[in-house]
């Protein structure tokens, strides 16, 4: 009898112990679910704000630049010093006249560089030089006779070449550098190929021969190369200078150099076949950024028309910069995805605007700090814009708070909670 009572008592104790253990285990699981820190939200960036994604790039429309040259009846090209884009209305090669001298100096200076401000080596004027002078003058070409045996520095030569467009000094420079016309033309052909100037045809260094030809877009590329050389740029921006040997003051043939602000060259040309040609450059301020704009106009019918064509195209270039909104306030930058599947939009807190030239491009990239997620409206990251002009960083904010899931979700989603 006593043994039966003892066994029953033991059974009840064991049962109560199992129930207590089960309860304790259940309580531990609940506590673990309630107290375990939640995994950080995952950030899903929009492709439009992901570095390297095509949709993260924004471009300035070049249509207005093309329309500006298409409105011209004669060969015209426009562009900018820093950049590769050229907008033109005619790819045909036309006689260059004295614009040829840009090519001559570029090719010679590649073989015999001259530092800005330097006098350079000295050349002694020869009988052959004097004979060429007489020939140019007989053809109504520009020349400045000096006695045979006169010593001329390279700097003096370049002043004659660039300001009054003297043919005699251009020829002397080419043949002094290369020896003869054949060697000079071989150097031009090599230079042409390296710079991709497919339309360029060249037979002598001055432009007196109408067979020196190139298209308006290639002339613009040549002018760009000239201005990228600081020594050449120095000469093309000089309005006038006094020369020795009784010659006196020589003036730049560029009709706009003393008329319009910021004119930095580059070269005129005139002949019976070419008409009046003009390559002109102007430095302007574009929303705080210094920009050099280039225009080439060929085949105008007078000096006045040539000057007006330069004015017209520089004025057209003035209208082309575009204020582009590269980041728009409220734009969806990313989403924060919480462990329970809630999606919190992250948006741009303001606008990002940059002034760009036709064809220029800006890119956007966002960074989001997961640890900063919390209240709605909290700054959680930054949009950085890479553009030709400075753009302020734009803040990104969370459009909703991060909320804790209820206990029941924690109890029923152990795999998500504990990262099983």
Protein backbone atom coordinates (compact mmCIF):
# COMPACT_ATOMS: atom_id res chain seq x y z
CA UNK A 1 0.00 0.00 0.00
CA UNK A 2 2.70 2.39 0.91
CA UNK A 3 4.65 1.40 -2.16
CA UNK A 4 1.67 2.31 -4.41
CA UNK A 5 1.30 5.73 -2.83
CA UNK A 6 5.00 6.41 -3.18
CA UNK A 7 4.96 5.50 -6.93
CA UNK A 8 1.96 7.71 -7.63
CA UNK A 9 3.65 10.62 -5.87
CA UNK A 10 6.80 10.13 -7.95
CA UNK A 11 4.77 10.10 -11.19
CA UNK A 12 3.08 13.37 -10.29
CA UNK A 13 6.47 14.98 -9.53
CA UNK A 14 7.90 13.84 -12.87
CA UNK A 15 4.86 15.15 -14.75
CA UNK A 16 5.05 18.51 -13.01
CA UNK A 17 8.78 18.69 -13.78
CA UNK A 18 8.21 18.04 -17.50
CA UNK A 19 5.50 20.73 -17.62
CA UNK A 20 7.73 23.15 -15.79
CA UNK A 21 10.64 22.42 -18.13
CA UNK A 22 8.42 22.86 -21.18
CA UNK A 23 7.12 26.16 -19.82
CA UNK A 24 10.62 27.33 -19.03
CA UNK A 25 11.79 26.39 -22.53
CA UNK A 26 8.88 28.21 -24.10
CA UNK A 27 9.60 31.26 -22.00
CA UNK A 28 13.25 31.22 -23.07
CA UNK A 29 12.33 31.10 -26.77
CA UNK A 30 9.92 34.00 -26.34
CA UNK A 31 12.53 36.00 -24.52
CA UNK A 32 15.10 35.21 -27.18
CA UNK A 33 12.70 36.31 -29.94
CA UNK A 34 11.82 39.47 -28.08
CA UNK A 35 15.37 40.48 -27.25
CA UNK A 36 17.37 39.45 -30.33
CA UNK A 37 18.51 42.53 -32.33
CA UNK A 38 16.96 42.74 -35.78
CA UNK A 39 19.16 42.36 -38.86
CA UNK A 40 19.93 45.69 -40.55
CA UNK A 41 17.69 46.65 -43.47
CA UNK A 42 18.99 45.85 -46.94
CA UNK A 43 19.53 48.85 -49.26
CA UNK A 44 18.41 48.56 -52.89
CA UNK A 45 19.78 51.48 -54.92
CA UNK A 46 17.89 52.75 -57.95
CA UNK A 47 19.88 52.15 -61.17
CA UNK A 48 19.64 55.90 -61.83
CA UNK A 49 21.85 56.51 -58.78
CA UNK A 50 24.19 53.52 -59.08
CA UNK A 51 27.74 54.35 -60.18
CA UNK A 52 28.58 52.90 -63.57
CA UNK A 53 24.96 52.37 -64.63
CA UNK A 54 24.02 53.95 -67.97
CA UNK A 55 20.85 55.47 -66.53
CA UNK A 56 22.94 57.32 -63.91
CA UNK A 57 24.26 59.63 -66.68
CA UNK A 58 22.52 62.84 -67.76
CA UNK A 59 23.54 64.65 -70.97
CA UNK A 60 23.01 68.14 -72.35
CA UNK A 61 21.09 67.97 -75.63
CA UNK A 62 23.31 68.93 -78.62
CA UNK A 63 20.34 69.62 -80.93
CA UNK A 64 20.50 73.40 -80.49
CA UNK A 65 24.20 73.43 -81.45
CA UNK A 66 23.47 71.57 -84.66
CA UNK A 67 20.53 73.85 -85.40
CA UNK A 68 22.79 76.91 -85.02
CA UNK A 69 25.10 75.78 -87.84
CA UNK A 70 22.29 74.38 -89.97
CA UNK A 71 20.79 77.88 -90.05
CA UNK A 72 23.88 79.13 -91.96
CA UNK A 73 24.01 79.03 -95.77
CA UNK A 74 27.81 78.86 -96.01
CA UNK A 75 30.31 76.41 -94.46
CA UNK A 76 30.21 76.79 -90.67
CA UNK A 77 31.40 74.84 -87.64
CA UNK A 78 31.25 75.47 -83.90
CA UNK A 79 32.62 73.76 -80.80
CA UNK A 80 34.62 74.29 -77.63
CA UNK A 81 38.31 74.27 -76.82
CA UNK A 82 38.01 71.52 -74.20
CA UNK A 83 36.07 68.68 -75.76
CA UNK A 84 35.89 66.68 -78.95
CA UNK A 85 32.45 67.63 -80.24
CA UNK A 86 32.19 69.63 -83.49
CA UNK A 87 28.90 70.74 -85.02
CA UNK A 88 29.07 71.60 -88.72
CA UNK A 89 26.80 72.03 -91.72
CA UNK A 90 29.18 71.00 -94.50
CA UNK A 91 31.92 68.32 -94.63
CA UNK A 92 33.32 69.53 -97.97
CA UNK A 93 36.94 70.72 -98.18
CA UNK A 94 37.38 74.35 -99.28
CA UNK A 95 40.46 76.51 -99.96
CA UNK A 96 42.06 77.59 -96.70
CA UNK A 97 44.00 80.69 -97.78
CA UNK A 98 46.02 81.98 -94.81
CA UNK A 99 44.36 79.66 -92.31
CA UNK A 100 47.02 77.35 -93.77
CA UNK A 101 49.52 79.11 -91.52
CA UNK A 102 47.95 77.46 -88.45
CA UNK A 103 48.91 74.06 -89.86
CA UNK A 104 52.39 75.29 -90.81
CA UNK A 105 53.15 76.57 -87.32
CA UNK A 106 51.66 73.53 -85.56
CA UNK A 107 53.78 71.14 -87.64
CA UNK A 108 56.95 73.22 -87.34
CA UNK A 109 56.55 73.81 -83.63
CA UNK A 110 56.16 70.10 -83.06
CA UNK A 111 59.61 69.67 -84.62
CA UNK A 112 61.11 72.79 -83.02
CA UNK A 113 59.19 73.73 -79.84
CA UNK A 114 59.20 77.25 -78.46
CA UNK A 115 58.42 78.10 -74.84
CA UNK A 116 55.88 80.88 -74.20
CA UNK A 117 57.63 84.25 -74.07
CA UNK A 118 60.91 82.90 -75.48
CA UNK A 119 62.72 84.50 -78.44
CA UNK A 120 63.82 81.14 -79.80
CA UNK A 121 66.63 80.48 -82.27
CA UNK A 122 67.85 83.05 -84.79
CA UNK A 123 67.43 82.72 -88.55
CA UNK A 124 69.44 84.64 -91.15
CA UNK A 125 67.41 85.93 -94.10
CA UNK A 126 68.60 84.49 -97.44
CA UNK A 127 68.48 85.33 -101.14
CA UNK A 128 65.86 82.60 -101.57
CA UNK A 129 63.72 84.24 -98.89
CA UNK A 130 64.00 87.62 -100.64
CA UNK A 131 63.05 86.07 -103.97
CA UNK A 132 59.95 84.50 -102.42
CA UNK A 133 59.01 87.87 -100.93
CA UNK A 134 59.05 89.45 -104.37
CA UNK A 135 56.91 86.63 -105.72
CA UNK A 136 54.28 86.97 -102.98
CA UNK A 137 54.08 90.74 -103.44
CA UNK A 138 53.62 90.29 -107.21
CA UNK A 139 50.59 88.07 -106.46
CA UNK A 140 49.12 90.61 -104.00
CA UNK A 141 50.22 88.50 -101.07
CA UNK A 142 51.29 89.84 -97.71
CA UNK A 143 55.09 90.16 -97.28
CA UNK A 144 57.47 92.42 -95.36
CA UNK A 145 60.81 92.70 -97.20
CA UNK A 146 63.96 92.89 -95.12
CA UNK A 147 67.62 92.91 -96.27
CA UNK A 148 69.36 89.64 -96.99
CA UNK A 149 71.55 88.76 -94.01
CA UNK A 150 69.07 90.16 -91.46
CA UNK A 151 68.87 88.07 -88.30
CA UNK A 152 65.30 87.18 -87.32
CA UNK A 153 64.30 85.39 -84.13
CA UNK A 154 61.64 82.71 -84.25
CA UNK A 155 59.46 84.90 -82.06
CA UNK A 156 59.66 87.71 -84.62
CA UNK A 157 58.76 85.27 -87.38
CA UNK A 158 55.71 84.12 -85.50
CA UNK A 159 54.53 87.68 -84.92
CA UNK A 160 54.67 88.25 -88.66
CA UNK A 161 52.91 84.95 -89.39
CA UNK A 162 50.04 85.37 -86.95
CA UNK A 163 49.30 89.10 -86.88
CA UNK A 164 49.49 90.45 -90.45
CA UNK A 165 49.59 86.90 -91.92
CA UNK A 166 52.90 87.33 -93.73
CA UNK A 167 53.53 84.65 -96.36
CA UNK A 168 57.28 85.19 -96.59
CA UNK A 169 57.90 84.39 -92.93
CA UNK A 170 55.61 81.34 -93.01
CA UNK A 171 57.58 79.89 -95.93
CA UNK A 172 60.91 80.74 -94.30
CA UNK A 173 59.82 79.04 -91.07
CA UNK A 174 58.72 75.85 -92.86
CA UNK A 175 61.86 75.51 -94.96
CA UNK A 176 64.17 76.51 -92.10
CA UNK A 177 62.60 73.74 -90.00
CA UNK A 178 62.42 70.97 -92.62
CA UNK A 179 64.84 71.97 -95.39
CA UNK A 180 62.50 72.03 -98.37
CA UNK A 181 58.84 71.78 -99.36
CA UNK A 182 58.88 68.01 -99.87
CA UNK A 183 60.19 67.34 -96.37
CA UNK A 184 57.73 69.85 -94.96
CA UNK A 185 54.78 68.19 -96.73
CA UNK A 186 55.87 64.77 -95.50
CA UNK A 187 55.73 66.12 -91.95
CA UNK A 188 52.29 67.61 -92.61
CA UNK A 189 51.02 64.28 -93.94
CA UNK A 190 52.23 62.47 -90.83
CA UNK A 191 50.70 65.13 -88.57
CA UNK A 192 47.41 64.99 -90.48
CA UNK A 193 47.17 61.23 -90.05
CA UNK A 194 47.92 61.36 -86.31
CA UNK A 195 45.21 63.95 -85.74
CA UNK A 196 42.55 62.37 -87.96
CA UNK A 197 42.14 65.40 -90.25
CA UNK A 198 40.78 63.48 -93.22
CA UNK A 199 39.72 66.48 -95.32
CA UNK A 200 43.07 68.30 -95.13
CA UNK A 201 44.97 68.73 -98.40
CA UNK A 202 48.25 70.65 -98.35
CA UNK A 203 50.79 71.64 -100.98
CA UNK A 204 52.75 74.58 -99.48
CA UNK A 205 53.05 76.48 -96.19
CA UNK A 206 51.36 79.85 -96.82
CA UNK A 207 47.91 79.34 -98.31
CA UNK A 208 48.78 81.30 -101.45
CA UNK A 209 48.10 78.09 -103.39
CA UNK A 210 44.36 77.38 -103.55
CA UNK A 211 45.09 73.63 -103.35
CA UNK A 212 45.53 73.98 -99.58
CA UNK A 213 42.08 72.83 -98.47
CA UNK A 214 40.09 71.51 -95.50
CA UNK A 215 36.51 71.31 -94.29
CA UNK A 216 35.02 73.69 -91.72
CA UNK A 217 34.89 70.98 -89.03
CA UNK A 218 38.54 70.09 -89.59
CA UNK A 219 39.51 73.77 -89.49
CA UNK A 220 37.83 73.93 -86.08
CA UNK A 221 39.85 70.91 -84.94
CA UNK A 222 43.02 72.61 -86.21
CA UNK A 223 42.12 75.82 -84.35
CA UNK A 224 41.52 73.75 -81.22
CA UNK A 225 45.00 72.22 -81.52
CA UNK A 226 46.50 75.67 -82.01
CA UNK A 227 44.90 77.10 -78.87
CA UNK A 228 45.91 74.06 -76.83
CA UNK A 229 49.51 75.08 -77.51
CA UNK A 230 50.19 77.92 -75.02
CA UNK A 231 52.86 79.49 -77.23
CA UNK A 232 50.61 79.66 -80.28
CA UNK A 233 47.74 80.92 -78.12
CA UNK A 234 49.96 83.79 -76.99
CA UNK A 235 50.46 84.97 -80.57
CA UNK A 236 46.87 84.58 -81.73
CA UNK A 237 45.63 86.77 -78.86
CA UNK A 238 48.09 89.62 -79.60
CA UNK A 239 46.32 92.61 -81.14
CA UNK A 240 49.38 94.50 -82.41
CA UNK A 241 53.13 94.83 -81.97
CA UNK A 242 55.91 97.07 -83.23
CA UNK A 243 58.43 95.31 -85.45
CA UNK A 244 62.03 96.44 -86.28
CA UNK A 245 63.76 97.20 -89.61
CA UNK A 246 61.54 100.24 -90.21
CA UNK A 247 58.39 98.14 -90.51
CA UNK A 248 56.64 99.66 -87.52
CA UNK A 249 53.39 98.44 -85.98
CA UNK A 250 51.74 95.35 -87.41
CA UNK A 251 48.16 94.52 -86.46
CA UNK A 252 46.23 91.28 -86.11
CA UNK A 253 43.90 90.61 -89.05
CA UNK A 254 41.32 89.17 -86.64
CA UNK A 255 38.51 91.78 -86.92
CA UNK A 256 37.05 91.01 -83.47
CA UNK A 257 40.17 90.94 -81.32
CA UNK A 258 39.82 94.56 -80.17
CA UNK A 259 36.05 94.71 -80.57
CA UNK A 260 34.67 91.92 -78.38
CA UNK A 261 35.75 90.90 -74.89
CA UNK A 262 37.59 87.63 -74.40
CA UNK A 263 38.71 87.09 -78.02
CA UNK A 264 41.75 84.79 -78.03
CA UNK A 265 42.38 84.29 -81.75
CA UNK A 266 42.72 82.35 -83.94
CA UNK A 267 43.21 83.13 -87.69
CA UNK A 268 41.78 84.73 -90.83
CA UNK A 269 42.26 83.83 -94.47
CA UNK A 270 41.46 85.48 -97.81
CA UNK A 271 41.93 84.59 -101.46
CA UNK A 272 40.05 84.78 -104.74
CA UNK A 273 38.95 81.15 -104.54
CA UNK A 274 38.50 80.92 -100.77
CA UNK A 275 36.67 84.17 -100.18
CA UNK A 276 36.96 85.38 -96.60
CA UNK A 277 37.62 82.68 -94.00
CA UNK A 278 37.59 83.05 -90.23
CA UNK A 279 38.45 80.87 -87.26
CA UNK A 280 37.70 82.73 -84.04
CA UNK A 281 37.77 81.87 -80.34
CA UNK A 282 36.31 83.65 -77.33
CA UNK A 283 36.69 82.98 -73.62
CA UNK A 284 33.42 83.42 -71.74
CA UNK A 285 32.05 82.79 -68.28
CA UNK A 286 29.47 79.99 -68.09
CA UNK A 287 27.96 79.97 -64.62
CA UNK A 288 31.34 80.55 -62.98
CA UNK A 289 33.30 78.30 -65.34
CA UNK A 290 35.75 79.66 -67.92
CA UNK A 291 34.90 78.26 -71.34
CA UNK A 292 36.54 78.94 -74.72
CA UNK A 293 34.05 78.71 -77.58
CA UNK A 294 35.19 78.25 -81.18
CA UNK A 295 33.59 79.19 -84.49
CA UNK A 296 34.74 78.66 -88.07
CA UNK A 297 33.11 80.36 -91.04
CA UNK A 298 34.38 79.85 -94.58
CA UNK A 299 33.71 81.47 -97.94
CA UNK A 300 32.18 84.76 -96.84
CA UNK A 301 32.10 87.42 -99.53
CA UNK A 302 33.74 90.39 -97.80
CA UNK A 303 35.69 91.47 -94.75
CA UNK A 304 32.50 92.87 -93.25
CA UNK A 305 30.61 89.62 -93.86
CA UNK A 306 33.49 87.64 -92.35
CA UNK A 307 33.45 89.76 -89.20
CA UNK A 308 29.67 89.50 -88.93
CA UNK A 309 29.77 85.73 -89.35
CA UNK A 310 32.14 85.54 -86.38
CA UNK A 311 29.88 87.74 -84.27
CA UNK A 312 26.81 85.72 -85.23
CA UNK A 313 28.29 82.35 -84.33
CA UNK A 314 29.81 83.53 -81.06
CA UNK A 315 26.41 84.98 -80.15
CA UNK A 316 24.79 81.65 -81.05
CA UNK A 317 27.31 79.83 -78.84
CA UNK A 318 26.36 82.15 -75.96
CA UNK A 319 22.83 80.71 -75.99
CA UNK A 320 23.81 77.04 -75.91
CA UNK A 321 24.74 76.30 -72.27
CA UNK A 322 21.87 74.47 -70.55
CA UNK A 323 20.91 74.38 -66.86
CA UNK A 324 20.26 70.65 -66.38
CA UNK A 325 18.51 69.23 -63.32
CA UNK A 326 20.58 66.12 -62.66
CA UNK A 327 18.85 65.39 -59.34
CA UNK A 328 15.20 66.25 -58.75
CA UNK A 329 13.78 66.76 -55.28
CA UNK A 330 11.75 63.71 -54.26
CA UNK A 331 13.42 61.42 -56.80
CA UNK A 332 13.50 57.79 -55.63
CA UNK A 333 17.12 57.07 -54.80
CA UNK A 334 16.81 53.72 -53.01
CA UNK A 335 14.63 51.54 -50.82
CA UNK A 336 15.46 50.18 -47.38
CA UNK A 337 13.99 46.68 -47.04
CA UNK A 338 13.51 45.61 -43.41
CA UNK A 339 13.66 42.04 -42.15
CA UNK A 340 9.86 41.80 -42.07
CA UNK A 341 9.57 42.94 -45.71
CA UNK A 342 8.60 46.55 -45.17
CA UNK A 343 10.00 48.85 -47.90
CA UNK A 344 11.00 52.39 -46.93
CA UNK A 345 11.55 54.80 -49.86
CA UNK A 346 14.72 56.89 -49.68
CA UNK A 347 14.47 60.09 -51.71
CA UNK A 348 16.46 63.16 -52.72
CA UNK A 349 15.96 66.02 -50.28
CA UNK A 350 16.62 68.75 -52.88
CA UNK A 351 17.51 69.57 -56.47
CA UNK A 352 20.93 69.27 -58.06
CA UNK A 353 21.40 71.59 -61.05
CA UNK A 354 24.46 72.00 -63.27
CA UNK A 355 25.05 74.20 -66.32
CA UNK A 356 26.49 72.12 -69.15
CA UNK A 357 27.53 72.70 -72.73
CA UNK A 358 25.93 70.73 -75.55
CA UNK A 359 27.07 67.10 -75.47
CA UNK A 360 28.53 67.29 -71.96
CA UNK A 361 27.53 64.64 -69.45
CA UNK A 362 27.05 64.38 -65.69
CA UNK A 363 26.83 61.20 -63.63
CA UNK A 364 25.10 60.58 -60.29
CA UNK A 365 25.88 58.14 -57.50
CA UNK A 366 24.24 57.74 -54.08
CA UNK A 367 25.54 56.36 -50.82
CA UNK A 368 23.19 55.34 -47.99
CA UNK A 369 24.20 54.78 -44.36
CA UNK A 370 22.03 51.98 -42.94
CA UNK A 371 22.94 52.99 -39.41
CA UNK A 372 21.35 56.41 -39.97
CA UNK A 373 17.90 54.95 -40.68
CA UNK A 374 15.43 55.85 -38.00
CA UNK A 375 12.87 58.59 -38.07
CA UNK A 376 11.08 59.76 -41.19
CA UNK A 377 12.93 62.69 -42.78
CA UNK A 378 16.27 61.72 -41.27
CA UNK A 379 19.29 62.27 -43.53
CA UNK A 380 20.62 58.85 -44.41
CA UNK A 381 23.05 59.53 -47.22
CA UNK A 382 24.30 61.69 -50.08
CA UNK A 383 24.04 61.99 -53.84
CA UNK A 384 27.34 62.97 -55.45
CA UNK A 385 27.30 64.44 -58.96
CA UNK A 386 30.34 64.27 -61.25
CA UNK A 387 29.98 67.03 -63.85
CA UNK A 388 32.10 69.50 -65.86
CA UNK A 389 31.01 72.24 -63.45
CA UNK A 390 30.76 72.02 -59.65
CA UNK A 391 27.50 70.71 -58.17
CA UNK A 392 26.69 70.69 -54.47
CA UNK A 393 26.05 67.31 -52.89
CA UNK A 394 22.36 66.52 -52.39
CA UNK A 395 21.14 64.91 -49.16
CA UNK A 396 18.95 61.81 -49.27
CA UNK A 397 16.34 61.15 -46.60
CA UNK A 398 14.12 58.28 -45.47
CA UNK A 399 10.46 59.00 -46.27
CA UNK A 400 9.16 56.78 -43.42
CA UNK A 401 10.46 55.56 -40.06
CA UNK A 402 11.84 52.10 -39.45
CA UNK A 403 9.25 50.33 -37.23
CA UNK A 404 9.78 47.23 -35.10
CA UNK A 405 7.78 44.12 -36.09
CA UNK A 406 5.29 42.83 -33.48
CA UNK A 407 6.25 40.00 -31.09
CA UNK A 408 4.02 37.55 -32.95
CA UNK A 409 6.06 38.13 -36.15
CA UNK A 410 9.25 37.49 -34.19
CA UNK A 411 7.82 34.27 -32.71
CA UNK A 412 6.67 32.97 -36.09
CA UNK A 413 9.73 33.95 -38.20
CA UNK A 414 12.72 32.45 -36.42
CA UNK A 415 14.63 31.85 -39.64
CA UNK A 416 14.56 35.55 -40.60
CA UNK A 417 15.13 36.66 -37.01
CA UNK A 418 18.06 34.40 -36.25
CA UNK A 419 19.41 34.26 -39.82
CA UNK A 420 19.08 30.48 -39.99
